[in-house]
């Protein structure tokens, strides 16, 4: 994917829906690209999270104690909770297919979210949806 394709892709994701084209371009420049092979563990439960990931292409499994709890795909994100709470990740994230992500290092997430209130609000909304699904699943 070239930069223009990445910017276009980001613009199609709910998380970035409020951003202008120049703001999307700034995101594409601030984040690094990362590729993971099928079955590669991206984040390890109980260890330090390395960054905030946004899935551009591919699919990943969210596993807690080896049990799949969710699947992530294009437009989904992960890694933010352990960074924002300064706690080890509570799940493994494992690539189910070739996985292409944008990654923001853990040290930059908080300042970036403070500078992007629209993204922060959409992230909070997504977290609340996840919480509602988890609460429903447990009852």
N, C-alpha and C. Protein backbone atom coordinates (compact mmCIF):
# COMPACT_ATOMS: atom_id res chain seq x y z
N UNK A 1 0.84 -1.18 0.00
CA UNK A 1 0.00 0.00 0.00
C UNK A 1 0.88 1.24 0.00
N UNK A 2 0.60 2.16 -0.91
CA UNK A 2 1.36 3.41 -0.86
C UNK A 2 0.66 4.39 0.08
N UNK A 3 1.28 5.53 0.31
CA UNK A 3 0.75 6.49 1.29
C UNK A 3 -0.67 6.94 0.96
N UNK A 4 -0.94 7.20 -0.33
CA UNK A 4 -2.28 7.63 -0.72
C UNK A 4 -3.32 6.57 -0.39
N UNK A 5 -3.00 5.31 -0.64
CA UNK A 5 -3.92 4.20 -0.32
C UNK A 5 -4.13 4.10 1.19
N UNK A 6 -3.07 4.29 1.97
CA UNK A 6 -3.20 4.23 3.42
C UNK A 6 -4.11 5.34 3.91
N UNK A 7 -3.92 6.55 3.40
CA UNK A 7 -4.76 7.68 3.80
C UNK A 7 -6.21 7.42 3.41
N UNK A 8 -6.45 6.93 2.20
CA UNK A 8 -7.82 6.61 1.77
C UNK A 8 -8.43 5.53 2.66
N UNK A 9 -7.64 4.52 3.01
CA UNK A 9 -8.13 3.44 3.86
C UNK A 9 -8.47 3.97 5.25
N UNK A 10 -7.59 4.76 5.83
CA UNK A 10 -7.86 5.34 7.14
C UNK A 10 -9.15 6.15 7.13
N UNK A 11 -9.36 6.91 6.07
CA UNK A 11 -10.56 7.73 5.95
C UNK A 11 -11.84 6.92 5.91
N UNK A 12 -11.74 5.65 5.56
CA UNK A 12 -12.93 4.80 5.51
C UNK A 12 -13.24 4.14 6.86
N UNK A 13 -12.34 4.26 7.84
CA UNK A 13 -12.53 3.64 9.14
C UNK A 13 -13.30 4.56 10.08
N UNK A 14 -14.20 3.99 10.85
CA UNK A 14 -15.02 4.77 11.79
C UNK A 14 -14.14 5.55 12.77
N UNK A 15 -13.05 4.97 13.22
CA UNK A 15 -12.18 5.62 14.20
C UNK A 15 -11.68 6.98 13.71
N UNK A 16 -11.46 7.11 12.42
CA UNK A 16 -10.88 8.32 11.85
C UNK A 16 -11.88 9.14 11.04
N UNK A 17 -13.16 8.85 11.17
CA UNK A 17 -14.19 9.46 10.33
C UNK A 17 -14.25 10.97 10.44
N UNK A 18 -13.86 11.55 11.56
CA UNK A 18 -13.95 13.00 11.76
C UNK A 18 -12.72 13.76 11.27
N UNK A 19 -11.72 13.05 10.78
CA UNK A 19 -10.48 13.72 10.40
C UNK A 19 -10.50 14.21 8.96
N UNK A 20 -9.91 15.36 8.75
CA UNK A 20 -9.77 15.92 7.40
C UNK A 20 -8.66 15.17 6.66
N UNK A 21 -8.57 15.40 5.37
CA UNK A 21 -7.51 14.77 4.58
C UNK A 21 -6.11 15.11 5.13
N UNK A 22 -5.81 16.37 5.45
CA UNK A 22 -4.48 16.66 6.02
C UNK A 22 -4.25 15.97 7.37
N UNK A 23 -5.31 15.84 8.18
CA UNK A 23 -5.15 15.14 9.46
C UNK A 23 -4.90 13.64 9.24
N UNK A 24 -5.57 13.06 8.24
CA UNK A 24 -5.33 11.65 7.91
C UNK A 24 -3.90 11.45 7.41
N UNK A 25 -3.41 12.38 6.63
CA UNK A 25 -2.03 12.32 6.14
C UNK A 25 -1.06 12.40 7.31
N UNK A 26 -1.38 13.23 8.30
CA UNK A 26 -0.52 13.34 9.49
C UNK A 26 -0.50 12.03 10.27
N UNK A 27 -1.65 11.35 10.36
CA UNK A 27 -1.71 10.04 11.02
C UNK A 27 -0.82 9.06 10.28
N UNK A 28 -0.94 9.04 8.96
CA UNK A 28 -0.14 8.10 8.16
C UNK A 28 1.37 8.35 8.35
N UNK A 29 1.75 9.60 8.56
CA UNK A 29 3.17 9.91 8.79
C UNK A 29 3.61 9.59 10.21
N UNK A 30 2.72 9.73 11.17
CA UNK A 30 3.09 9.53 12.58
C UNK A 30 3.18 8.05 12.95
N UNK A 31 2.35 7.22 12.33
CA UNK A 31 2.31 5.79 12.63
C UNK A 31 3.34 5.07 11.75
N UNK A 32 3.84 3.95 12.26
CA UNK A 32 4.71 3.07 11.48
C UNK A 32 3.88 1.93 10.90
N UNK A 33 4.33 1.37 9.80
CA UNK A 33 3.68 0.18 9.24
C UNK A 33 4.33 -1.07 9.82
N UNK A 34 3.51 -2.10 10.02
CA UNK A 34 4.03 -3.39 10.50
C UNK A 34 3.26 -4.50 9.82
N UNK A 35 3.98 -5.57 9.50
CA UNK A 35 3.38 -6.75 8.89
C UNK A 35 3.65 -7.95 9.79
N UNK A 36 2.65 -8.79 9.92
CA UNK A 36 2.76 -10.00 10.74
C UNK A 36 2.31 -11.18 9.91
N UNK A 37 3.02 -12.28 10.05
CA UNK A 37 2.67 -13.47 9.28
C UNK A 37 1.58 -14.27 9.99
N UNK A 38 0.94 -15.14 9.24
CA UNK A 38 -0.12 -15.99 9.79
C UNK A 38 0.42 -16.74 11.01
N UNK A 39 -0.37 -16.78 12.07
CA UNK A 39 -0.08 -17.44 13.35
C UNK A 39 0.97 -16.72 14.20
N UNK A 40 1.42 -15.57 13.76
CA UNK A 40 2.39 -14.81 14.57
C UNK A 40 1.65 -14.10 15.70
N UNK A 41 2.22 -14.17 16.90
CA UNK A 41 1.65 -13.46 18.05
C UNK A 41 2.13 -12.02 17.98
N UNK A 42 1.17 -11.10 17.94
CA UNK A 42 1.46 -9.68 17.82
C UNK A 42 1.63 -9.06 19.21
N UNK A 43 0.75 -9.42 20.11
CA UNK A 43 0.80 -8.97 21.50
C UNK A 43 0.69 -10.21 22.38
N UNK A 44 1.46 -10.22 23.45
CA UNK A 44 1.48 -11.39 24.34
C UNK A 44 0.83 -11.04 25.67
N UNK A 45 -0.15 -11.85 26.04
CA UNK A 45 -0.86 -11.68 27.31
C UNK A 45 0.13 -11.68 28.47
N UNK A 46 -0.03 -10.69 29.37
CA UNK A 46 0.79 -10.64 30.56
C UNK A 46 2.13 -9.94 30.40
N UNK A 47 2.46 -9.54 29.17
CA UNK A 47 3.72 -8.83 28.94
C UNK A 47 3.43 -7.42 28.48
N UNK A 48 4.40 -6.59 28.43
CA UNK A 48 4.22 -5.18 28.07
C UNK A 48 3.75 -5.03 26.63
N UNK A 49 2.74 -4.19 26.44
CA UNK A 49 2.27 -3.90 25.08
C UNK A 49 3.23 -2.94 24.41
N UNK A 50 3.46 -3.14 23.13
CA UNK A 50 4.47 -2.35 22.42
C UNK A 50 3.89 -1.15 21.69
N UNK A 51 2.59 -1.15 21.44
CA UNK A 51 2.02 -0.03 20.71
C UNK A 51 0.54 -0.19 20.45
N UNK A 52 -0.01 0.86 19.90
CA UNK A 52 -1.41 0.92 19.49
C UNK A 52 -1.46 0.53 18.01
N UNK A 53 -2.23 -0.50 17.69
CA UNK A 53 -2.30 -1.04 16.34
C UNK A 53 -3.65 -0.77 15.71
N UNK A 54 -3.64 -0.40 14.44
CA UNK A 54 -4.84 -0.26 13.64
C UNK A 54 -4.70 -1.23 12.46
N UNK A 55 -5.67 -2.11 12.30
CA UNK A 55 -5.61 -3.13 11.24
C UNK A 55 -5.98 -2.52 9.89
N UNK A 56 -5.03 -2.56 8.95
CA UNK A 56 -5.30 -2.11 7.58
C UNK A 56 -5.82 -3.26 6.73
N UNK A 57 -5.21 -4.43 6.88
CA UNK A 57 -5.60 -5.61 6.12
C UNK A 57 -5.34 -6.85 6.95
N UNK A 58 -6.19 -7.86 6.80
CA UNK A 58 -5.99 -9.12 7.48
C UNK A 58 -6.95 -9.31 8.64
N UNK A 59 -6.73 -10.41 9.35
CA UNK A 59 -7.59 -10.77 10.48
C UNK A 59 -6.74 -11.29 11.62
N UNK A 60 -7.16 -10.96 12.86
CA UNK A 60 -6.45 -11.40 14.05
C UNK A 60 -7.43 -11.94 15.07
N UNK A 61 -6.93 -12.79 15.94
CA UNK A 61 -7.73 -13.39 17.01
C UNK A 61 -7.32 -12.78 18.34
N UNK A 62 -8.33 -12.47 19.16
CA UNK A 62 -8.10 -12.02 20.52
C UNK A 62 -8.29 -13.24 21.41
N UNK A 63 -7.24 -13.65 22.12
CA UNK A 63 -7.29 -14.87 22.92
C UNK A 63 -6.91 -14.57 24.37
N UNK A 64 -7.77 -15.00 25.27
CA UNK A 64 -7.50 -14.86 26.69
C UNK A 64 -7.32 -16.27 27.25
N UNK A 65 -6.15 -16.52 27.83
CA UNK A 65 -5.81 -17.84 28.35
C UNK A 65 -6.04 -18.93 27.29
N UNK A 66 -5.70 -18.61 26.05
CA UNK A 66 -5.80 -19.56 24.95
C UNK A 66 -7.17 -19.68 24.31
N UNK A 67 -8.19 -19.05 24.87
CA UNK A 67 -9.55 -19.14 24.34
C UNK A 67 -9.86 -17.90 23.50
N UNK A 68 -10.30 -18.14 22.26
CA UNK A 68 -10.64 -17.01 21.39
C UNK A 68 -11.88 -16.31 21.92
N UNK A 69 -11.77 -14.98 22.07
CA UNK A 69 -12.88 -14.17 22.56
C UNK A 69 -13.45 -13.25 21.49
N UNK A 70 -12.63 -12.92 20.50
CA UNK A 70 -13.08 -12.02 19.44
C UNK A 70 -12.14 -12.14 18.25
N UNK A 71 -12.61 -11.59 17.14
CA UNK A 71 -11.77 -11.47 15.94
C UNK A 71 -11.73 -10.02 15.53
N UNK A 72 -10.58 -9.62 15.04
CA UNK A 72 -10.37 -8.25 14.60
C UNK A 72 -10.06 -8.26 13.12
N UNK A 73 -10.53 -7.24 12.43
CA UNK A 73 -10.26 -7.12 11.00
C UNK A 73 -10.06 -5.68 10.60
N UNK A 74 -10.12 -5.44 9.34
CA UNK A 74 -9.91 -4.12 8.74
C UNK A 74 -10.66 -3.04 9.52
N UNK A 75 -9.93 -2.03 10.00
CA UNK A 75 -10.54 -0.92 10.71
C UNK A 75 -10.57 -1.08 12.22
N UNK A 76 -10.33 -2.29 12.70
CA UNK A 76 -10.30 -2.52 14.15
C UNK A 76 -8.95 -2.10 14.70
N UNK A 77 -8.88 -1.95 16.01
CA UNK A 77 -7.64 -1.52 16.65
C UNK A 77 -7.46 -2.30 17.94
N UNK A 78 -6.21 -2.33 18.42
CA UNK A 78 -5.89 -3.03 19.65
C UNK A 78 -4.60 -2.50 20.24
N UNK A 79 -4.39 -2.84 21.52
CA UNK A 79 -3.16 -2.45 22.21
C UNK A 79 -3.31 -1.22 23.06
N UNK A 80 -4.41 -0.50 22.91
CA UNK A 80 -4.58 0.76 23.62
C UNK A 80 -4.83 0.60 25.11
N UNK A 81 -5.55 -0.43 25.51
CA UNK A 81 -5.91 -0.57 26.92
C UNK A 81 -4.69 -0.75 27.82
N UNK A 82 -3.80 -1.63 27.44
CA UNK A 82 -2.63 -1.86 28.30
C UNK A 82 -1.75 -0.61 28.36
N UNK A 83 -1.71 0.16 27.28
CA UNK A 83 -0.91 1.39 27.28
C UNK A 83 -1.55 2.44 28.17
N UNK A 84 -2.85 2.68 27.96
CA UNK A 84 -3.53 3.74 28.71
C UNK A 84 -3.66 3.42 30.19
N UNK A 85 -3.80 2.13 30.52
CA UNK A 85 -3.91 1.73 31.92
C UNK A 85 -2.55 1.42 32.55
N UNK A 86 -1.50 1.41 31.72
CA UNK A 86 -0.15 1.07 32.15
C UNK A 86 -0.13 -0.29 32.85
N UNK A 87 -0.76 -1.25 32.20
CA UNK A 87 -0.83 -2.63 32.70
C UNK A 87 -0.45 -3.58 31.57
N UNK A 88 -0.03 -4.79 31.90
CA UNK A 88 0.25 -5.76 30.84
C UNK A 88 -1.03 -6.11 30.08
N UNK A 89 -0.91 -6.46 28.81
CA UNK A 89 -2.09 -6.84 28.03
C UNK A 89 -2.81 -8.03 28.67
N UNK A 90 -4.14 -8.02 28.61
CA UNK A 90 -4.91 -9.12 29.19
C UNK A 90 -5.27 -10.17 28.16
N UNK A 91 -4.71 -10.05 26.95
CA UNK A 91 -5.01 -11.02 25.89
C UNK A 91 -3.83 -11.13 24.95
N UNK A 92 -3.76 -12.28 24.28
CA UNK A 92 -2.87 -12.45 23.14
C UNK A 92 -3.61 -11.94 21.91
N UNK A 93 -2.89 -11.32 21.01
CA UNK A 93 -3.42 -11.00 19.68
C UNK A 93 -2.59 -11.81 18.71
N UNK A 94 -3.26 -12.69 17.94
CA UNK A 94 -2.57 -13.60 17.04
C UNK A 94 -3.09 -13.38 15.62
N UNK A 95 -2.18 -13.19 14.68
CA UNK A 95 -2.56 -13.01 13.28
C UNK A 95 -3.14 -14.31 12.75
N UNK A 96 -4.36 -14.25 12.22
CA UNK A 96 -4.98 -15.43 11.61
C UNK A 96 -4.63 -15.52 10.12
N UNK A 97 -4.33 -14.38 9.53
CA UNK A 97 -3.90 -14.27 8.14
C UNK A 97 -2.72 -13.32 8.14
N UNK A 98 -2.16 -13.09 6.97
CA UNK A 98 -1.16 -12.02 6.86
C UNK A 98 -1.83 -10.76 7.39
N UNK A 99 -1.18 -10.05 8.31
CA UNK A 99 -1.77 -8.90 8.98
C UNK A 99 -0.92 -7.66 8.72
N UNK A 100 -1.56 -6.63 8.22
CA UNK A 100 -0.88 -5.36 7.94
C UNK A 100 -1.50 -4.31 8.85
N UNK A 101 -0.68 -3.67 9.68
CA UNK A 101 -1.16 -2.69 10.66
C UNK A 101 -0.38 -1.40 10.58
N UNK A 102 -1.02 -0.35 11.07
CA UNK A 102 -0.30 0.86 11.43
C UNK A 102 -0.10 0.79 12.93
N UNK A 103 1.08 1.20 13.39
CA UNK A 103 1.41 1.08 14.81
C UNK A 103 1.95 2.42 15.31
N UNK A 104 1.39 2.85 16.44
CA UNK A 104 1.89 4.03 17.13
C UNK A 104 2.58 3.55 18.40
N UNK A 105 3.84 3.91 18.60
CA UNK A 105 4.55 3.45 19.80
C UNK A 105 3.82 3.85 21.08
N UNK A 106 3.93 3.01 22.08
CA UNK A 106 3.23 3.24 23.36
C UNK A 106 3.52 4.61 23.95
N UNK A 107 4.73 5.11 23.77
CA UNK A 107 5.11 6.40 24.35
C UNK A 107 4.40 7.59 23.70
N UNK A 108 3.80 7.38 22.52
CA UNK A 108 3.17 8.48 21.80
C UNK A 108 1.65 8.45 21.86
N UNK A 109 1.05 7.38 22.35
CA UNK A 109 -0.41 7.24 22.27
C UNK A 109 -1.14 8.32 23.05
N UNK A 110 -0.79 8.52 24.30
CA UNK A 110 -1.53 9.47 25.12
C UNK A 110 -1.49 10.89 24.54
N UNK A 111 -0.33 11.36 24.15
CA UNK A 111 -0.24 12.72 23.60
C UNK A 111 -1.01 12.82 22.28
N UNK A 112 -0.97 11.77 21.47
CA UNK A 112 -1.72 11.79 20.21
C UNK A 112 -3.22 11.85 20.47
N UNK A 113 -3.71 11.06 21.42
CA UNK A 113 -5.14 11.08 21.73
C UNK A 113 -5.58 12.44 22.27
N UNK A 114 -4.74 13.08 23.07
CA UNK A 114 -5.07 14.41 23.58
C UNK A 114 -5.13 15.45 22.47
N UNK A 115 -4.39 15.21 21.40
CA UNK A 115 -4.39 16.15 20.28
C UNK A 115 -5.49 15.85 19.26
N UNK A 116 -6.19 14.74 19.41
CA UNK A 116 -7.21 14.31 18.44
C UNK A 116 -8.50 13.93 19.17
N UNK A 117 -9.25 14.92 19.68
CA UNK A 117 -10.43 14.61 20.49
C UNK A 117 -11.50 13.80 19.75
N UNK A 118 -11.64 13.98 18.45
CA UNK A 118 -12.62 13.19 17.70
C UNK A 118 -12.27 11.72 17.69
N UNK A 119 -11.00 11.42 17.50
CA UNK A 119 -10.53 10.03 17.54
C UNK A 119 -10.71 9.46 18.94
N UNK A 120 -10.39 10.26 19.94
CA UNK A 120 -10.52 9.81 21.33
C UNK A 120 -11.97 9.45 21.64
N UNK A 121 -12.91 10.29 21.20
CA UNK A 121 -14.32 10.00 21.42
C UNK A 121 -14.74 8.72 20.71
N UNK A 122 -14.33 8.54 19.47
CA UNK A 122 -14.70 7.32 18.74
C UNK A 122 -14.06 6.08 19.37
N UNK A 123 -12.85 6.23 19.90
CA UNK A 123 -12.21 5.11 20.58
C UNK A 123 -13.00 4.75 21.84
N UNK A 124 -13.41 5.77 22.60
CA UNK A 124 -14.21 5.53 23.80
C UNK A 124 -15.52 4.83 23.44
N UNK A 125 -16.17 5.26 22.38
CA UNK A 125 -17.41 4.61 21.94
C UNK A 125 -17.17 3.15 21.59
N UNK A 126 -16.07 2.87 20.89
CA UNK A 126 -15.74 1.48 20.53
C UNK A 126 -15.47 0.66 21.78
N UNK A 127 -14.76 1.24 22.75
CA UNK A 127 -14.48 0.52 24.00
C UNK A 127 -15.77 0.19 24.73
N UNK A 128 -16.70 1.12 24.74
CA UNK A 128 -17.98 0.87 25.42
C UNK A 128 -18.78 -0.22 24.70
N UNK A 129 -18.71 -0.26 23.37
CA UNK A 129 -19.37 -1.36 22.64
C UNK A 129 -18.74 -2.69 23.02
N UNK A 130 -17.41 -2.72 23.10
CA UNK A 130 -16.71 -3.95 23.49
C UNK A 130 -17.12 -4.38 24.89
N UNK A 131 -17.22 -3.42 25.80
CA UNK A 131 -17.63 -3.72 27.17
C UNK A 131 -19.05 -4.29 27.20
N UNK A 132 -19.94 -3.70 26.43
CA UNK A 132 -21.32 -4.19 26.37
C UNK A 132 -21.37 -5.62 25.83
N UNK A 133 -20.60 -5.89 24.79
CA UNK A 133 -20.57 -7.25 24.23
C UNK A 133 -20.00 -8.23 25.26
N UNK A 134 -18.92 -7.85 25.95
CA UNK A 134 -18.31 -8.72 26.96
C UNK A 134 -19.28 -8.96 28.10
N UNK A 135 -20.01 -7.94 28.51
CA UNK A 135 -20.98 -8.08 29.61
C UNK A 135 -22.12 -9.00 29.22
N UNK A 136 -22.58 -8.87 27.99
CA UNK A 136 -23.64 -9.74 27.48
C UNK A 136 -23.16 -11.19 27.39
N UNK A 137 -21.90 -11.35 26.94
CA UNK A 137 -21.34 -12.68 26.77
C UNK A 137 -21.23 -13.40 28.12
N UNK A 138 -20.90 -12.66 29.18
CA UNK A 138 -20.71 -13.27 30.50
C UNK A 138 -22.02 -13.60 31.19
N UNK A 139 -23.10 -12.93 30.84
CA UNK A 139 -24.37 -13.17 31.56
C UNK A 139 -25.16 -14.32 30.97
